[in-house]
Amino acid sequence: MDCDFRLLRRSLPQKIELEHNSGIVCLELVRKLQDIGARFVEVPVHHYRRSYGRSQFFTPRRIAEVGIDMARLWWQLVVCQGALGRR
């Protein structure tokens, strides 16, 4: 999950609806693809140090926002979907 590079079959994103555009969009993408039965393959990638600049993501405010968004996404995709499956 630490790499934002994804290679997908063109048909897969058309089968799901993404609602988030924050740091949790990758979690939402993977979970919704998993729910429709998509197969996953992991391949190694090389990580290189930044040649300049700093990440604007790792600030206390952004981390808190992502934590809250993750809790909401978990509730929506795991708890609520599980409740729907038990009906």
Protein backbone atom coordinates (compact mmCIF):
# COMPACT_ATOMS: atom_id res chain seq x y z
CA MET A 1 0.00 0.00 0.00
CA ASP A 2 2.97 2.33 0.18
CA CYS A 3 3.20 2.81 -3.58
CA ASP A 4 0.64 4.82 -5.52
CA PHE A 5 1.30 3.00 -8.79
CA ARG A 6 -1.51 0.69 -9.88
CA LEU A 7 -1.90 -1.06 -13.21
CA LEU A 8 -5.51 -2.12 -13.81
CA ARG A 9 -7.49 -3.71 -16.57
CA ARG A 10 -9.55 -1.00 -18.19
CA SER A 11 -12.83 -2.74 -17.39
CA LEU A 12 -12.28 -2.90 -13.61
CA PRO A 13 -12.60 0.79 -12.65
CA GLN A 14 -15.78 0.94 -14.70
CA LYS A 15 -17.34 -1.66 -12.37
CA ILE A 16 -16.88 0.34 -9.16
CA GLU A 17 -17.59 3.84 -7.94
CA LEU A 18 -14.89 5.61 -5.97
CA GLU A 19 -16.10 8.24 -3.53
CA HIS A 20 -12.86 9.51 -1.99
CA ASN A 21 -10.04 11.62 -3.36
CA SER A 22 -7.90 11.75 -0.23
CA GLY A 23 -5.13 9.53 1.08
CA ILE A 24 -7.53 6.60 1.46
CA VAL A 25 -8.51 6.29 -2.18
CA CYS A 26 -6.07 3.38 -2.62
CA LEU A 27 -7.71 1.52 0.27
CA GLU A 28 -11.13 2.15 -1.20
CA LEU A 29 -9.96 1.04 -4.66
CA VAL A 30 -8.42 -2.21 -3.47
CA ARG A 31 -11.34 -3.14 -1.19
CA LYS A 32 -13.98 -2.46 -3.85
CA LEU A 33 -12.01 -4.40 -6.46
CA GLN A 34 -11.62 -7.25 -3.97
CA ASP A 35 -15.38 -7.22 -3.38
CA ILE A 36 -16.11 -7.72 -7.09
CA GLY A 37 -13.65 -10.61 -7.30
CA ALA A 38 -10.67 -8.93 -8.96
CA ARG A 39 -7.35 -10.78 -8.82
CA PHE A 40 -4.23 -9.05 -7.52
CA VAL A 41 -0.56 -9.56 -8.25
CA GLU A 42 2.17 -7.71 -6.40
CA VAL A 43 5.45 -6.92 -8.07
CA PRO A 44 8.42 -5.16 -6.50
CA VAL A 45 9.11 -1.53 -7.32
CA HIS A 46 12.14 0.58 -6.52
CA HIS A 47 11.76 3.55 -4.23
CA TYR A 48 14.11 6.47 -4.68
CA ARG A 49 14.74 9.38 -2.38
CA ARG A 50 13.22 12.69 -3.41
CA SER A 51 15.66 14.80 -5.34
CA TYR A 52 14.00 17.96 -3.99
CA GLY A 53 10.99 19.12 -2.00
CA ARG A 54 9.22 17.55 0.95
CA SER A 55 6.10 15.47 1.30
CA GLN A 56 3.07 17.59 2.05
CA PHE A 57 1.17 14.54 3.25
CA PHE A 58 2.89 13.78 6.54
CA THR A 59 1.61 16.62 8.70
CA PRO A 60 -0.33 16.05 11.93
CA ARG A 61 -3.49 17.49 10.39
CA ARG A 62 -3.33 15.35 7.24
CA ILE A 63 -2.55 12.20 9.21
CA ALA A 64 -5.53 12.89 11.51
CA GLU A 65 -7.81 13.47 8.51
CA VAL A 66 -6.70 10.21 6.90
CA GLY A 67 -7.23 8.35 10.19
CA ILE A 68 -10.78 9.66 10.44
CA ASP A 69 -11.43 8.90 6.76
CA MET A 70 -10.06 5.35 7.24
CA ALA A 71 -12.43 4.75 10.15
CA ARG A 72 -15.39 5.99 8.09
CA LEU A 73 -14.37 3.88 5.10
CA TRP A 74 -13.99 0.79 7.29
CA TRP A 75 -17.45 1.41 8.74
CA GLN A 76 -18.94 1.84 5.28
CA LEU A 77 -17.20 -1.06 3.51
CA VAL A 78 -16.88 -3.62 6.31
CA VAL A 79 -19.53 -3.02 8.96
CA CYS A 80 -22.37 -1.74 6.78
CA GLN A 81 -21.67 -4.14 3.90
CA GLY A 82 -21.48 -7.03 6.39
CA ALA A 83 -24.84 -6.01 7.85
CA LEU A 84 -26.33 -5.93 4.34
CA GLY A 85 -24.97 -9.43 3.66
CA ARG A 86 -26.63 -10.81 6.81
CA ARG A 87 -30.10 -9.56 5.85
